[in-house]
Amino acid sequence: MKRYLPFVIVAGVALAALGSGAMLYRAKRPQLQAIPASNSVAGKSDTESVHIRGNPDAPVTLEEFGDFQCPPCGIFAAFGEQLLREYDSRLRIVFHNFPLPAHEHAREAAVAAEAAGL
């Protein structure tokens, strides 16, 4: 037993150091804060209107928030058409313009789409 005593002591000190380091890390980590309501994206935008595709009385509604300059949104648009073909009378897709600030002309594209009735 005396032969293993130095290893046991080193292991105990290492575990104590790891435990106290983990507690210090958690204590210094910034806490998540709630976003004030004034900074949220909720509410109507100046391009807000609803466009419904599919059966208006369908039991399932898919809400799509899209940006005309967003590549993944364009990919989903094709997928949405496929969903409408597959689930024809059981699905309606409601599209909302959601121009992202990162896309330079997204708001103009949304306004143009509204003007064109798309």
C-alpha atoms as a PDB file:
ATOM      1  CA  MET A   1       0.000   0.000   0.000  1.00  0.00           C
ATOM      2  CA  LYS A   2       2.878   2.381   0.753  1.00  0.00           C
ATOM      3  CA  ARG A   3       4.022   1.903  -2.805  1.00  0.00           C
ATOM      4  CA  TYR A   4       0.781   3.385  -4.221  1.00  0.00           C
ATOM      5  CA  LEU A   5       0.465   6.236  -1.701  1.00  0.00           C
ATOM      6  CA  PRO A   6       2.254   8.877  -3.854  1.00  0.00           C
ATOM      7  CA  PHE A   7      -0.013   8.045  -6.810  1.00  0.00           C
ATOM      8  CA  VAL A   8      -3.138   8.307  -4.643  1.00  0.00           C
ATOM      9  CA  ILE A   9      -2.011  11.684  -3.289  1.00  0.00           C
ATOM     10  CA  VAL A  10      -1.226  13.022  -6.788  1.00  0.00           C
ATOM     11  CA  ALA A  11      -4.564  11.749  -8.113  1.00  0.00           C
ATOM     12  CA  GLY A  12      -6.444  13.366  -5.206  1.00  0.00           C
ATOM     13  CA  VAL A  13      -4.697  16.710  -5.724  1.00  0.00           C
ATOM     14  CA  ALA A  14      -5.386  16.528  -9.488  1.00  0.00           C
ATOM     15  CA  LEU A  15      -9.077  15.799  -8.911  1.00  0.00           C
ATOM     16  CA  ALA A  16      -9.353  18.652  -6.413  1.00  0.00           C
ATOM     17  CA  ALA A  17      -7.656  21.026  -8.880  1.00  0.00           C
ATOM     18  CA  LEU A  18      -9.949  19.935 -11.715  1.00  0.00           C
ATOM     19  CA  GLY A  19     -13.043  20.304  -9.559  1.00  0.00           C
ATOM     20  CA  SER A  20     -12.137  23.777  -8.324  1.00  0.00           C
ATOM     21  CA  GLY A  21     -11.161  24.818 -11.875  1.00  0.00           C
ATOM     22  CA  ALA A  22     -14.533  23.669 -13.187  1.00  0.00           C
ATOM     23  CA  MET A  23     -16.346  25.598 -10.450  1.00  0.00           C
ATOM     24  CA  LEU A  24     -14.355  28.761 -11.223  1.00  0.00           C
ATOM     25  CA  TYR A  25     -15.060  28.385 -14.939  1.00  0.00           C
ATOM     26  CA  ARG A  26     -18.806  28.080 -14.348  1.00  0.00           C
ATOM     27  CA  ALA A  27     -18.808  31.039 -11.950  1.00  0.00           C
ATOM     28  CA  LYS A  28     -17.029  33.353 -14.429  1.00  0.00           C
ATOM     29  CA  ARG A  29     -19.009  32.288 -17.494  1.00  0.00           C
ATOM     30  CA  PRO A  30     -21.450  35.025 -18.587  1.00  0.00           C
ATOM     31  CA  GLN A  31     -25.061  34.309 -17.808  1.00  0.00           C
ATOM     32  CA  LEU A  32     -27.681  34.342 -20.554  1.00  0.00           C
ATOM     33  CA  GLN A  33     -29.941  37.341 -20.366  1.00  0.00           C
ATOM     34  CA  ALA A  34     -33.434  37.748 -21.711  1.00  0.00           C
ATOM     35  CA  ILE A  35     -33.824  39.928 -24.788  1.00  0.00           C
ATOM     36  CA  PRO A  36     -35.890  43.010 -24.010  1.00  0.00           C
ATOM     37  CA  ALA A  37     -39.199  43.151 -25.852  1.00  0.00           C
ATOM     38  CA  SER A  38     -38.109  46.327 -27.633  1.00  0.00           C
ATOM     39  CA  ASN A  39     -35.275  44.404 -29.358  1.00  0.00           C
ATOM     40  CA  SER A  40     -37.381  41.500 -30.544  1.00  0.00           C
ATOM     41  CA  VAL A  41     -38.447  40.977 -34.139  1.00  0.00           C
ATOM     42  CA  ALA A  42     -42.052  40.330 -33.159  1.00  0.00           C
ATOM     43  CA  GLY A  43     -44.774  42.498 -34.549  1.00  0.00           C
ATOM     44  CA  LYS A  44     -45.723  43.663 -38.006  1.00  0.00           C
ATOM     45  CA  SER A  45     -43.100  44.897 -40.421  1.00  0.00           C
ATOM     46  CA  ASP A  46     -43.712  47.404 -43.191  1.00  0.00           C
ATOM     47  CA  THR A  47     -43.771  44.531 -45.686  1.00  0.00           C
ATOM     48  CA  GLU A  48     -46.163  42.366 -43.682  1.00  0.00           C
ATOM     49  CA  SER A  49     -48.840  40.566 -45.610  1.00  0.00           C
ATOM     50  CA  VAL A  50     -49.818  36.941 -45.720  1.00  0.00           C
ATOM     51  CA  HIS A  51     -49.690  34.774 -48.817  1.00  0.00           C
ATOM     52  CA  ILE A  52     -51.428  31.394 -48.639  1.00  0.00           C
ATOM     53  CA  ARG A  53     -50.684  28.498 -50.976  1.00  0.00           C
ATOM     54  CA  GLY A  54     -52.600  25.252 -50.887  1.00  0.00           C
ATOM     55  CA  ASN A  55     -55.982  24.500 -49.368  1.00  0.00           C
ATOM     56  CA  PRO A  56     -57.076  27.426 -47.133  1.00  0.00           C
ATOM     57  CA  ASP A  57     -59.052  24.960 -44.963  1.00  0.00           C
ATOM     58  CA  ALA A  58     -56.234  22.388 -44.646  1.00  0.00           C
ATOM     59  CA  PRO A  59     -55.761  20.769 -41.230  1.00  0.00           C
ATOM     60  CA  VAL A  60     -51.996  21.433 -41.308  1.00  0.00           C
ATOM     61  CA  THR A  61     -50.467  24.904 -41.686  1.00  0.00           C
ATOM     62  CA  LEU A  62     -46.790  25.504 -42.384  1.00  0.00           C
ATOM     63  CA  GLU A  63     -45.672  29.063 -41.603  1.00  0.00           C
ATOM     64  CA  GLU A  64     -42.726  30.128 -43.785  1.00  0.00           C
ATOM     65  CA  PHE A  65     -40.729  33.268 -43.035  1.00  0.00           C
ATOM     66  CA  GLY A  66     -38.594  34.009 -46.067  1.00  0.00           C
ATOM     67  CA  ASP A  67     -36.049  36.447 -47.439  1.00  0.00           C
ATOM     68  CA  PHE A  68     -35.771  36.758 -51.221  1.00  0.00           C
ATOM     69  CA  GLN A  69     -31.959  37.096 -51.018  1.00  0.00           C
ATOM     70  CA  CYS A  70     -31.452  34.109 -48.718  1.00  0.00           C
ATOM     71  CA  PRO A  71     -30.117  31.033 -50.588  1.00  0.00           C
ATOM     72  CA  PRO A  72     -31.517  28.484 -48.078  1.00  0.00           C
ATOM     73  CA  CYS A  73     -34.928  30.190 -48.345  1.00  0.00           C
ATOM     74  CA  GLY A  74     -34.813  29.655 -52.108  1.00  0.00           C
ATOM     75  CA  ILE A  75     -33.997  25.990 -51.624  1.00  0.00           C
ATOM     76  CA  PHE A  76     -36.913  25.629 -49.219  1.00  0.00           C
ATOM     77  CA  ALA A  77     -39.291  27.290 -51.706  1.00  0.00           C
ATOM     78  CA  ALA A  78     -38.740  24.371 -54.107  1.00  0.00           C
ATOM     79  CA  PHE A  79     -39.196  21.927 -51.231  1.00  0.00           C
ATOM     80  CA  GLY A  80     -42.434  23.690 -50.255  1.00  0.00           C
ATOM     81  CA  GLU A  81     -43.807  23.138 -53.756  1.00  0.00           C
ATOM     82  CA  GLN A  82     -42.969  19.435 -53.443  1.00  0.00           C
ATOM     83  CA  LEU A  83     -44.766  19.292 -50.081  1.00  0.00           C
ATOM     84  CA  LEU A  84     -47.853  20.905 -51.613  1.00  0.00           C
ATOM     85  CA  ARG A  85     -47.900  18.294 -54.393  1.00  0.00           C
ATOM     86  CA  GLU A  86     -47.528  15.404 -51.935  1.00  0.00           C
ATOM     87  CA  TYR A  87     -50.032  16.557 -49.305  1.00  0.00           C
ATOM     88  CA  ASP A  88     -52.295  18.539 -51.657  1.00  0.00           C
ATOM     89  CA  SER A  89     -55.551  19.121 -49.699  1.00  0.00           C
ATOM     90  CA  ARG A  90     -54.062  18.450 -46.248  1.00  0.00           C
ATOM     91  CA  LEU A  91     -51.480  21.277 -46.246  1.00  0.00           C
ATOM     92  CA  ARG A  92     -51.423  25.020 -46.617  1.00  0.00           C
ATOM     93  CA  ILE A  93     -48.263  27.110 -46.617  1.00  0.00           C
ATOM     94  CA  VAL A  94     -48.478  30.646 -45.266  1.00  0.00           C
ATOM     95  CA  PHE A  95     -45.605  32.846 -46.447  1.00  0.00           C
ATOM     96  CA  HIS A  96     -44.436  35.925 -44.541  1.00  0.00           C
ATOM     97  CA  ASN A  97     -41.807  38.313 -45.860  1.00  0.00           C
ATOM     98  CA  PHE A  98     -38.940  38.397 -43.392  1.00  0.00           C
ATOM     99  CA  PRO A  99     -36.125  40.470 -44.919  1.00  0.00           C
ATOM    100  CA  LEU A 100     -32.887  39.933 -43.022  1.00  0.00           C
ATOM    101  CA  PRO A 101     -30.661  42.940 -42.260  1.00  0.00           C
ATOM    102  CA  ALA A 102     -27.592  41.050 -43.512  1.00  0.00           C
ATOM    103  CA  HIS A 103     -28.953  41.042 -47.069  1.00  0.00           C
ATOM    104  CA  GLU A 104     -28.478  44.445 -48.664  1.00  0.00           C
ATOM    105  CA  HIS A 105     -31.532  44.488 -50.949  1.00  0.00           C
ATOM    106  CA  ALA A 106     -33.834  42.120 -49.050  1.00  0.00           C
ATOM    107  CA  ARG A 107     -36.285  44.811 -47.938  1.00  0.00           C
ATOM    108  CA  GLU A 108     -36.549  46.239 -51.465  1.00  0.00           C
ATOM    109  CA  ALA A 109     -37.110  42.737 -52.854  1.00  0.00           C
ATOM    110  CA  ALA A 110     -39.877  42.121 -50.316  1.00  0.00           C
ATOM    111  CA  VAL A 111     -41.575  45.430 -51.162  1.00  0.00           C
ATOM    112  CA  ALA A 112     -41.304  44.663 -54.891  1.00  0.00           C
ATOM    113  CA  ALA A 113     -42.791  41.196 -54.362  1.00  0.00           C
ATOM    114  CA  GLU A 114     -45.685  42.733 -52.424  1.00  0.00           C
ATOM    115  CA  ALA A 115     -46.262  45.267 -55.202  1.00  0.00           C
ATOM    116  CA  ALA A 116     -46.246  42.475 -57.791  1.00  0.00           C
ATOM    117  CA  GLY A 117     -48.692  40.457 -55.694  1.00  0.00           C
ATOM    118  CA  LEU A 118     -46.352  37.498 -55.224  1.00  0.00           C
END
